[in-house]
Amino acid sequence: MVEAWTTRSTGGGSHAHESDRDARSYRPGKNGPPAVANLPMRTPDAAPMSDVVELRPGDRQSVPDGIDRPSVDRLRAEAAARELLEALAVDVADESTRDTPRRLVDVYAELLSPAPFNPTTFPNDGGYDELVVARAIPFHSLCEHHLLPFVGVAHVGYLPGERILGLSKLARVVDYFARSVQVQERLTTQIAGWLERELRPKGVGVVLEAEHMCMSLRGVQKAGSSTVTSALYGTVRDDQRTRGEFLALTGRPV
């Protein structure tokens, strides 16, 4: 469950919720605000929504990071998958494994194909000047060294300037950058950098916590261990009170 936090503003309520229907319940925080909105998680596999850009096979993606990503060459990938499996002594002529090359390509195509979306921002006409934090956004990505998954949660927040962002876009931008071959450090800074460019906020904070299968299933085989990375920009990095508040909201030690 994703929890979206907005802390108390001196200039009116937050407009970050795209719809009142997004909020299932609220409970007051200590000393009044912040309030917690328990939001339904919208996954890329859900029915298309208005901010999702639908692509046809072979289309190039016009995407939020400004980089055109070509679509997957399935025929070439399937031939390569078949050759790899045969080299690993898998009998792909067997009835049980005959379609494994295609299934393998389907898996990686899904894991490496983010859904493009239209970033939706709004004027901060209420003068909201406290943190907005979406906690525990589930994500998964692929380690670029071993092509094994790493799975965890992202805590994403910003201190608004003149613009605020629709809350679902915080989850979408995490998913967008995660659906690539990645290292967790880069993923963290990509999410934070996108927020910096799109919103020009007073500050940004991103914390990722994940378990890496390349560490759990192979090598040192330390199942259950987690890796934490952070990227703090602007006031969230430089102002001790704001930094402490953000880390407290994400559940990290201050």
C-alpha atoms as a PDB file:
ATOM      1  CA  MET A   1       0.000   0.000   0.000  1.00  0.00           C
ATOM      2  CA  VAL A   2       1.360   3.393  -0.972  1.00  0.00           C
ATOM      3  CA  GLU A   3       1.048   6.130   1.636  1.00  0.00           C
ATOM      4  CA  ALA A   4       1.146   9.716   0.412  1.00  0.00           C
ATOM      5  CA  TRP A   5       1.959  12.343   3.017  1.00  0.00           C
ATOM      6  CA  THR A   6       1.461  16.060   2.806  1.00  0.00           C
ATOM      7  CA  THR A   7       2.693  18.135   5.708  1.00  0.00           C
ATOM      8  CA  ARG A   8       1.073  21.263   7.088  1.00  0.00           C
ATOM      9  CA  SER A   9       0.996  24.327   4.854  1.00  0.00           C
ATOM     10  CA  THR A  10       0.741  27.926   5.981  1.00  0.00           C
ATOM     11  CA  GLY A  11      -0.989  28.893   2.782  1.00  0.00           C
ATOM     12  CA  GLY A  12      -3.903  26.479   2.283  1.00  0.00           C
ATOM     13  CA  GLY A  13      -4.472  22.846   1.431  1.00  0.00           C
ATOM     14  CA  SER A  14      -2.509  20.745  -1.031  1.00  0.00           C
ATOM     15  CA  HIS A  15      -3.825  20.222  -4.555  1.00  0.00           C
ATOM     16  CA  ALA A  16      -1.555  17.239  -5.142  1.00  0.00           C
ATOM     17  CA  HIS A  17      -4.447  14.731  -5.185  1.00  0.00           C
ATOM     18  CA  GLU A  18      -5.695  14.376  -8.742  1.00  0.00           C
ATOM     19  CA  SER A  19      -9.088  13.282  -7.495  1.00  0.00           C
ATOM     20  CA  ASP A  20     -10.810  12.946  -4.172  1.00  0.00           C
ATOM     21  CA  ARG A  21     -11.541   9.394  -5.217  1.00  0.00           C
ATOM     22  CA  ASP A  22      -7.817   8.604  -4.950  1.00  0.00           C
ATOM     23  CA  ALA A  23      -7.999   8.956  -1.192  1.00  0.00           C
ATOM     24  CA  ARG A  24      -9.458   5.951   0.578  1.00  0.00           C
ATOM     25  CA  SER A  25      -8.991   7.251   4.096  1.00  0.00           C
ATOM     26  CA  TYR A  26      -7.286   9.959   6.094  1.00  0.00           C
ATOM     27  CA  ARG A  27      -6.002  10.041   9.605  1.00  0.00           C
ATOM     28  CA  PRO A  28      -4.449  13.027  11.350  1.00  0.00           C
ATOM     29  CA  GLY A  29      -0.760  12.975  12.145  1.00  0.00           C
ATOM     30  CA  LYS A  30       0.657  14.036  15.445  1.00  0.00           C
ATOM     31  CA  ASN A  31       0.113  17.729  16.219  1.00  0.00           C
ATOM     32  CA  GLY A  32      -2.649  17.836  13.598  1.00  0.00           C
ATOM     33  CA  PRO A  33      -1.262  17.538  10.051  1.00  0.00           C
ATOM     34  CA  PRO A  34       0.472  15.763   8.376  1.00  0.00           C
ATOM     35  CA  ALA A  35      -2.364  13.665   7.019  1.00  0.00           C
ATOM     36  CA  VAL A  36      -1.993  10.245   5.449  1.00  0.00           C
ATOM     37  CA  ALA A  37      -3.805   9.305   2.269  1.00  0.00           C
ATOM     38  CA  ASN A  38      -3.880   5.572   1.616  1.00  0.00           C
ATOM     39  CA  LEU A  39      -3.844   5.371  -2.163  1.00  0.00           C
ATOM     40  CA  PRO A  40      -4.703   2.405  -4.377  1.00  0.00           C
ATOM     41  CA  MET A  41      -1.585   1.268  -6.233  1.00  0.00           C
ATOM     42  CA  ARG A  42      -1.964   1.707  -9.973  1.00  0.00           C
ATOM     43  CA  THR A  43       0.270  -0.711 -11.804  1.00  0.00           C
ATOM     44  CA  PRO A  44       1.369  -0.556 -15.450  1.00  0.00           C
ATOM     45  CA  ASP A  45      -0.641  -3.751 -16.056  1.00  0.00           C
ATOM     46  CA  ALA A  46      -3.885  -2.073 -15.036  1.00  0.00           C
ATOM     47  CA  ALA A  47      -6.398  -0.747 -17.543  1.00  0.00           C
ATOM     48  CA  PRO A  48      -5.016   2.243 -19.514  1.00  0.00           C
ATOM     49  CA  MET A  49      -5.543   5.623 -17.903  1.00  0.00           C
ATOM     50  CA  SER A  50      -5.620   9.023 -19.508  1.00  0.00           C
ATOM     51  CA  ASP A  51      -1.990   9.820 -18.683  1.00  0.00           C
ATOM     52  CA  VAL A  52      -0.609   6.621 -20.258  1.00  0.00           C
ATOM     53  CA  VAL A  53       0.631   6.840 -23.840  1.00  0.00           C
ATOM     54  CA  GLU A  54      -0.200   3.694 -25.801  1.00  0.00           C
ATOM     55  CA  LEU A  55       2.375   2.445 -28.337  1.00  0.00           C
ATOM     56  CA  ARG A  56       2.108   0.084 -31.275  1.00  0.00           C
ATOM     57  CA  PRO A  57       4.767  -2.579 -31.989  1.00  0.00           C
ATOM     58  CA  GLY A  58       7.846  -0.934 -33.500  1.00  0.00           C
ATOM     59  CA  ASP A  59       6.982   2.555 -32.258  1.00  0.00           C
ATOM     60  CA  ARG A  60       9.642   4.562 -30.482  1.00  0.00           C
ATOM     61  CA  GLN A  61       8.778   5.931 -27.103  1.00  0.00           C
ATOM     62  CA  SER A  62       8.590   9.668 -26.524  1.00  0.00           C
ATOM     63  CA  VAL A  63       9.322   9.487 -22.856  1.00  0.00           C
ATOM     64  CA  PRO A  64       9.640  11.652 -19.736  1.00  0.00           C
ATOM     65  CA  ASP A  65      13.455  11.570 -19.654  1.00  0.00           C
ATOM     66  CA  GLY A  66      13.688  12.899 -23.216  1.00  0.00           C
ATOM     67  CA  ILE A  67      15.392   9.736 -24.536  1.00  0.00           C
ATOM     68  CA  ASP A  68      13.793   7.775 -27.375  1.00  0.00           C
ATOM     69  CA  ARG A  69      13.892   4.071 -26.534  1.00  0.00           C
ATOM     70  CA  PRO A  70      13.417   1.566 -29.382  1.00  0.00           C
ATOM     71  CA  SER A  71      10.937  -1.235 -28.886  1.00  0.00           C
ATOM     72  CA  VAL A  72      12.127  -4.814 -28.321  1.00  0.00           C
ATOM     73  CA  ASP A  73      13.214  -6.792 -31.414  1.00  0.00           C
ATOM     74  CA  ARG A  74      11.349  -9.966 -30.458  1.00  0.00           C
ATOM     75  CA  LEU A  75      12.439 -12.154 -33.401  1.00  0.00           C
ATOM     76  CA  ARG A  76      16.112 -11.416 -32.813  1.00  0.00           C
ATOM     77  CA  ALA A  77      15.730 -11.793 -29.058  1.00  0.00           C
ATOM     78  CA  GLU A  78      13.946 -15.146 -29.387  1.00  0.00           C
ATOM     79  CA  ALA A  79      16.665 -16.523 -31.696  1.00  0.00           C
ATOM     80  CA  ALA A  80      19.321 -15.391 -29.205  1.00  0.00           C
ATOM     81  CA  ALA A  81      17.391 -16.893 -26.276  1.00  0.00           C
ATOM     82  CA  ARG A  82      17.126 -20.223 -28.076  1.00  0.00           C
ATOM     83  CA  GLU A  83      20.865 -20.223 -28.772  1.00  0.00           C
ATOM     84  CA  LEU A  84      21.658 -19.337 -25.152  1.00  0.00           C
ATOM     85  CA  LEU A  85      19.463 -22.121 -23.772  1.00  0.00           C
ATOM     86  CA  GLU A  86      20.993 -24.661 -26.147  1.00  0.00           C
ATOM     87  CA  ALA A  87      24.478 -23.520 -25.063  1.00  0.00           C
ATOM     88  CA  LEU A  88      23.399 -24.094 -21.453  1.00  0.00           C
ATOM     89  CA  ALA A  89      22.451 -27.685 -22.382  1.00  0.00           C
ATOM     90  CA  VAL A  90      18.686 -27.084 -22.266  1.00  0.00           C
ATOM     91  CA  ASP A  91      16.814 -29.270 -24.744  1.00  0.00           C
ATOM     92  CA  VAL A  92      14.555 -26.718 -26.422  1.00  0.00           C
ATOM     93  CA  ALA A  93      13.144 -29.416 -28.697  1.00  0.00           C
ATOM     94  CA  ASP A  94      11.401 -31.021 -25.718  1.00  0.00           C
ATOM     95  CA  GLU A  95       7.659 -30.422 -25.511  1.00  0.00           C
ATOM     96  CA  SER A  96       7.991 -28.761 -22.095  1.00  0.00           C
ATOM     97  CA  THR A  97      10.675 -26.289 -23.198  1.00  0.00           C
ATOM     98  CA  ARG A  98       9.764 -25.749 -26.835  1.00  0.00           C
ATOM     99  CA  ASP A  99       8.232 -22.348 -26.102  1.00  0.00           C
ATOM    100  CA  THR A 100      10.716 -21.348 -23.405  1.00  0.00           C
ATOM    101  CA  PRO A 101      12.714 -19.011 -25.709  1.00  0.00           C
ATOM    102  CA  ARG A 102       9.528 -17.089 -26.518  1.00  0.00           C
ATOM    103  CA  ARG A 103       8.477 -17.004 -22.865  1.00  0.00           C
ATOM    104  CA  LEU A 104      11.921 -15.791 -21.841  1.00  0.00           C
ATOM    105  CA  VAL A 105      11.677 -12.931 -24.319  1.00  0.00           C
ATOM    106  CA  ASP A 106       8.164 -12.120 -23.093  1.00  0.00           C
ATOM    107  CA  VAL A 107       9.453 -11.870 -19.519  1.00  0.00           C
ATOM    108  CA  TYR A 108      12.357  -9.560 -20.313  1.00  0.00           C
ATOM    109  CA  ALA A 109      10.309  -7.468 -22.734  1.00  0.00           C
ATOM    110  CA  GLU A 110       7.773  -6.854 -19.964  1.00  0.00           C
ATOM    111  CA  LEU A 111      10.436  -6.061 -17.363  1.00  0.00           C
ATOM    112  CA  LEU A 112      12.280  -3.676 -19.686  1.00  0.00           C
ATOM    113  CA  SER A 113       9.346  -1.816 -21.251  1.00  0.00           C
ATOM    114  CA  PRO A 114       8.192   1.127 -19.134  1.00  0.00           C
ATOM    115  CA  ALA A 115       4.853   2.756 -19.858  1.00  0.00           C
ATOM    116  CA  PRO A 116       5.381   6.287 -21.187  1.00  0.00           C
ATOM    117  CA  PHE A 117       3.207   8.860 -19.467  1.00  0.00           C
ATOM    118  CA  ASN A 118       2.366  12.515 -19.593  1.00  0.00           C
ATOM    119  CA  PRO A 119       3.654  14.326 -16.493  1.00  0.00           C
ATOM    120  CA  THR A 120       0.750  16.226 -14.956  1.00  0.00           C
ATOM    121  CA  THR A 121       1.632  19.298 -12.920  1.00  0.00           C
ATOM    122  CA  PHE A 122      -0.584  22.004 -11.491  1.00  0.00           C
ATOM    123  CA  PRO A 123      -0.007  25.550 -10.240  1.00  0.00           C
ATOM    124  CA  ASN A 124       0.706  25.680  -6.547  1.00  0.00           C
ATOM    125  CA  ASP A 125      -1.995  28.311  -6.174  1.00  0.00           C
ATOM    126  CA  GLY A 126      -2.631  27.388  -2.547  1.00  0.00           C
ATOM    127  CA  GLY A 127       0.912  28.376  -1.629  1.00  0.00           C
ATOM    128  CA  TYR A 128       1.631  24.914  -0.172  1.00  0.00           C
ATOM    129  CA  ASP A 129       5.122  25.107   1.334  1.00  0.00           C
ATOM    130  CA  GLU A 130       5.685  21.850   3.215  1.00  0.00           C
ATOM    131  CA  LEU A 131       6.818  18.378   2.180  1.00  0.00           C
ATOM    132  CA  VAL A 132       4.824  16.038  -0.041  1.00  0.00           C
ATOM    133  CA  VAL A 133       5.982  12.429   0.447  1.00  0.00           C
ATOM    134  CA  ALA A 134       4.739   9.209  -1.161  1.00  0.00           C
ATOM    135  CA  ARG A 135       5.967   6.282   0.926  1.00  0.00           C
ATOM    136  CA  ALA A 136       6.548   2.609   0.164  1.00  0.00           C
ATOM    137  CA  ILE A 137       5.965   2.680  -3.604  1.00  0.00           C
ATOM    138  CA  PRO A 138       6.655  -0.926  -4.714  1.00  0.00           C
ATOM    139  CA  PHE A 139       9.131  -1.339  -7.569  1.00  0.00           C
ATOM    140  CA  HIS A 140      11.239  -3.973  -9.279  1.00  0.00           C
ATOM    141  CA  SER A 141      14.170  -3.610 -11.624  1.00  0.00           C
ATOM    142  CA  LEU A 142      16.918  -5.704 -13.238  1.00  0.00           C
ATOM    143  CA  CYS A 143      20.528  -5.657 -12.098  1.00  0.00           C
ATOM    144  CA  GLU A 144      22.545  -4.718 -15.185  1.00  0.00           C
ATOM    145  CA  HIS A 145      25.413  -6.974 -14.139  1.00  0.00           C
ATOM    146  CA  HIS A 146      23.522 -10.275 -13.785  1.00  0.00           C
ATOM    147  CA  LEU A 147      20.030  -9.585 -15.207  1.00  0.00           C
ATOM    148  CA  LEU A 148      18.509 -10.738 -11.940  1.00  0.00           C
ATOM    149  CA  PRO A 149      15.760  -8.705 -10.253  1.00  0.00           C
ATOM    150  CA  PHE A 150      16.074  -6.384  -7.328  1.00  0.00           C
ATOM    151  CA  VAL A 151      12.803  -5.657  -5.570  1.00  0.00           C
ATOM    152  CA  GLY A 152      11.827  -3.103  -2.967  1.00  0.00           C
ATOM    153  CA  VAL A 153      10.069   0.146  -2.138  1.00  0.00           C
ATOM    154  CA  ALA A 154      10.698   3.784  -2.955  1.00  0.00           C
ATOM    155  CA  HIS A 155      10.008   6.787  -0.736  1.00  0.00           C
ATOM    156  CA  VAL A 156       9.736   9.918  -2.873  1.00  0.00           C
ATOM    157  CA  GLY A 157       9.177  13.456  -1.677  1.00  0.00           C
ATOM    158  CA  TYR A 158       9.598  17.073  -2.665  1.00  0.00           C
ATOM    159  CA  LEU A 159       9.172  20.554  -1.253  1.00  0.00           C
ATOM    160  CA  PRO A 160       6.986  22.400  -3.789  1.00  0.00           C
ATOM    161  CA  GLY A 161       7.865  25.609  -5.525  1.00  0.00           C
ATOM    162  CA  GLU A 162       5.492  27.084  -8.095  1.00  0.00           C
ATOM    163  CA  ARG A 163       4.214  23.701  -9.380  1.00  0.00           C
ATOM    164  CA  ILE A 164       2.871  20.540  -7.757  1.00  0.00           C
ATOM    165  CA  LEU A 165       2.663  17.058  -9.262  1.00  0.00           C
ATOM    166  CA  GLY A 166      -0.269  14.650  -9.517  1.00  0.00           C
ATOM    167  CA  LEU A 167       0.410  11.991  -6.873  1.00  0.00           C
ATOM    168  CA  SER A 168       0.120   9.036  -9.248  1.00  0.00           C
ATOM    169  CA  LYS A 169       3.046  10.466 -11.233  1.00  0.00           C
ATOM    170  CA  LEU A 170       5.373   9.851  -8.285  1.00  0.00           C
ATOM    171  CA  ALA A 171       4.632   6.131  -8.658  1.00  0.00           C
ATOM    172  CA  ARG A 172       4.802   6.292 -12.448  1.00  0.00           C
ATOM    173  CA  VAL A 173       8.224   7.919 -12.544  1.00  0.00           C
ATOM    174  CA  VAL A 174       9.608   5.255 -10.183  1.00  0.00           C
ATOM    175  CA  ASP A 175       8.231   2.525 -12.427  1.00  0.00           C
ATOM    176  CA  TYR A 176       9.445   4.267 -15.572  1.00  0.00           C
ATOM    177  CA  PHE A 177      13.098   4.398 -14.543  1.00  0.00           C
ATOM    178  CA  ALA A 178      12.991   1.010 -12.785  1.00  0.00           C
ATOM    179  CA  ARG A 179      11.943  -0.850 -15.951  1.00  0.00           C
ATOM    180  CA  SER A 180      15.452  -0.923 -17.363  1.00  0.00           C
ATOM    181  CA  VAL A 181      18.741  -2.650 -16.679  1.00  0.00           C
ATOM    182  CA  GLN A 182      19.884  -0.683 -13.669  1.00  0.00           C
ATOM    183  CA  VAL A 183      22.020  -0.213 -10.622  1.00  0.00           C
ATOM    184  CA  GLN A 184      20.162   1.038  -7.569  1.00  0.00           C
ATOM    185  CA  GLU A 185      22.408   4.074  -7.162  1.00  0.00           C
ATOM    186  CA  ARG A 186      21.625   5.352 -10.669  1.00  0.00           C
ATOM    187  CA  LEU A 187      17.925   4.583 -10.319  1.00  0.00           C
ATOM    188  CA  THR A 188      17.791   6.718  -7.173  1.00  0.00           C
ATOM    189  CA  THR A 189      19.415   9.750  -8.796  1.00  0.00           C
ATOM    190  CA  GLN A 190      17.362   9.401 -11.996  1.00  0.00           C
ATOM    191  CA  ILE A 191      14.100   9.638 -10.060  1.00  0.00           C
ATOM    192  CA  ALA A 192      15.344  12.624  -8.050  1.00  0.00           C
ATOM    193  CA  GLY A 193      16.778  14.314 -11.141  1.00  0.00           C
ATOM    194  CA  TRP A 194      13.482  13.963 -13.010  1.00  0.00           C
ATOM    195  CA  LEU A 195      11.609  15.687 -10.181  1.00  0.00           C
ATOM    196  CA  GLU A 196      14.197  18.472 -10.166  1.00  0.00           C
ATOM    197  CA  ARG A 197      13.833  19.079 -13.907  1.00  0.00           C
ATOM    198  CA  GLU A 198      10.047  18.776 -14.116  1.00  0.00           C
ATOM    199  CA  LEU A 199       9.016  20.720 -11.028  1.00  0.00           C
ATOM    200  CA  ARG A 200      11.933  22.979 -10.109  1.00  0.00           C
ATOM    201  CA  PRO A 201      10.970  22.422  -6.456  1.00  0.00           C
ATOM    202  CA  LYS A 202      12.689  23.850  -3.416  1.00  0.00           C
ATOM    203  CA  GLY A 203      13.949  20.385  -2.528  1.00  0.00           C
ATOM    204  CA  VAL A 204      13.744  16.693  -3.461  1.00  0.00           C
ATOM    205  CA  GLY A 205      14.287  13.512  -1.476  1.00  0.00           C
ATOM    206  CA  VAL A 206      14.341   9.917  -2.743  1.00  0.00           C
ATOM    207  CA  VAL A 207      15.116   6.808  -0.674  1.00  0.00           C
ATOM    208  CA  LEU A 208      15.112   3.300  -2.175  1.00  0.00           C
ATOM    209  CA  GLU A 209      15.219   0.058  -0.176  1.00  0.00           C
ATOM    210  CA  ALA A 210      15.636  -3.186  -2.114  1.00  0.00           C
ATOM    211  CA  GLU A 211      16.723  -6.809  -1.939  1.00  0.00           C
ATOM    212  CA  HIS A 212      18.993  -7.862  -4.800  1.00  0.00           C
ATOM    213  CA  MET A 213      18.613 -11.411  -6.108  1.00  0.00           C
ATOM    214  CA  CYS A 214      22.203 -11.335  -7.377  1.00  0.00           C
ATOM    215  CA  MET A 215      23.212 -11.110  -3.704  1.00  0.00           C
ATOM    216  CA  SER A 216      20.486 -13.399  -2.322  1.00  0.00           C
ATOM    217  CA  LEU A 217      20.520 -16.291  -4.799  1.00  0.00           C
ATOM    218  CA  ARG A 218      24.146 -16.418  -5.938  1.00  0.00           C
ATOM    219  CA  GLY A 219      27.600 -15.387  -4.794  1.00  0.00           C
ATOM    220  CA  VAL A 220      27.469 -14.619  -1.073  1.00  0.00           C
ATOM    221  CA  GLN A 221      23.826 -15.846  -0.919  1.00  0.00           C
ATOM    222  CA  LYS A 222      22.684 -13.487   1.849  1.00  0.00           C
ATOM    223  CA  ALA A 223      18.927 -13.758   1.496  1.00  0.00           C
ATOM    224  CA  GLY A 224      16.909 -11.068   3.248  1.00  0.00           C
ATOM    225  CA  SER A 225      19.620  -8.411   3.180  1.00  0.00           C
ATOM    226  CA  SER A 226      18.571  -5.020   1.850  1.00  0.00           C
ATOM    227  CA  THR A 227      20.359  -2.101   0.220  1.00  0.00           C
ATOM    228  CA  VAL A 228      19.360   1.491   0.952  1.00  0.00           C
ATOM    229  CA  THR A 229      20.263   4.422  -1.306  1.00  0.00           C
ATOM    230  CA  SER A 230      19.252   8.070  -1.112  1.00  0.00           C
ATOM    231  CA  ALA A 231      19.374  11.249  -3.175  1.00  0.00           C
ATOM    232  CA  LEU A 232      18.649  14.558  -1.415  1.00  0.00           C
ATOM    233  CA  TYR A 233      18.616  17.862  -3.288  1.00  0.00           C
ATOM    234  CA  GLY A 234      18.065  21.481  -2.374  1.00  0.00           C
ATOM    235  CA  THR A 235      16.443  22.304   0.950  1.00  0.00           C
ATOM    236  CA  VAL A 236      15.863  18.618   1.738  1.00  0.00           C
ATOM    237  CA  ARG A 237      19.641  18.185   1.716  1.00  0.00           C
ATOM    238  CA  ASP A 238      20.806  21.525   3.093  1.00  0.00           C
ATOM    239  CA  ASP A 239      18.230  22.394   5.771  1.00  0.00           C
ATOM    240  CA  GLN A 240      18.656  20.172   8.821  1.00  0.00           C
ATOM    241  CA  ARG A 241      15.006  20.424   9.931  1.00  0.00           C
ATOM    242  CA  THR A 242      13.609  19.576   6.490  1.00  0.00           C
ATOM    243  CA  ARG A 243      16.125  16.778   6.001  1.00  0.00           C
ATOM    244  CA  GLY A 244      15.216  15.296   9.380  1.00  0.00           C
ATOM    245  CA  GLU A 245      11.486  15.574   8.680  1.00  0.00           C
ATOM    246  CA  PHE A 246      11.820  13.826   5.311  1.00  0.00           C
ATOM    247  CA  LEU A 247      13.906  10.977   6.706  1.00  0.00           C
ATOM    248  CA  ALA A 248      11.509  10.576   9.631  1.00  0.00           C
ATOM    249  CA  LEU A 249       8.543  10.315   7.247  1.00  0.00           C
ATOM    250  CA  THR A 250      10.348   7.617   5.259  1.00  0.00           C
ATOM    251  CA  GLY A 251      11.073   5.672   8.426  1.00  0.00           C
ATOM    252  CA  ARG A 252      14.835   6.172   8.181  1.00  0.00           C
ATOM    253  CA  PRO A 253      16.956   7.172  11.206  1.00  0.00           C
ATOM    254  CA  VAL A 254      17.688  10.892  11.322  1.00  0.00           C
END
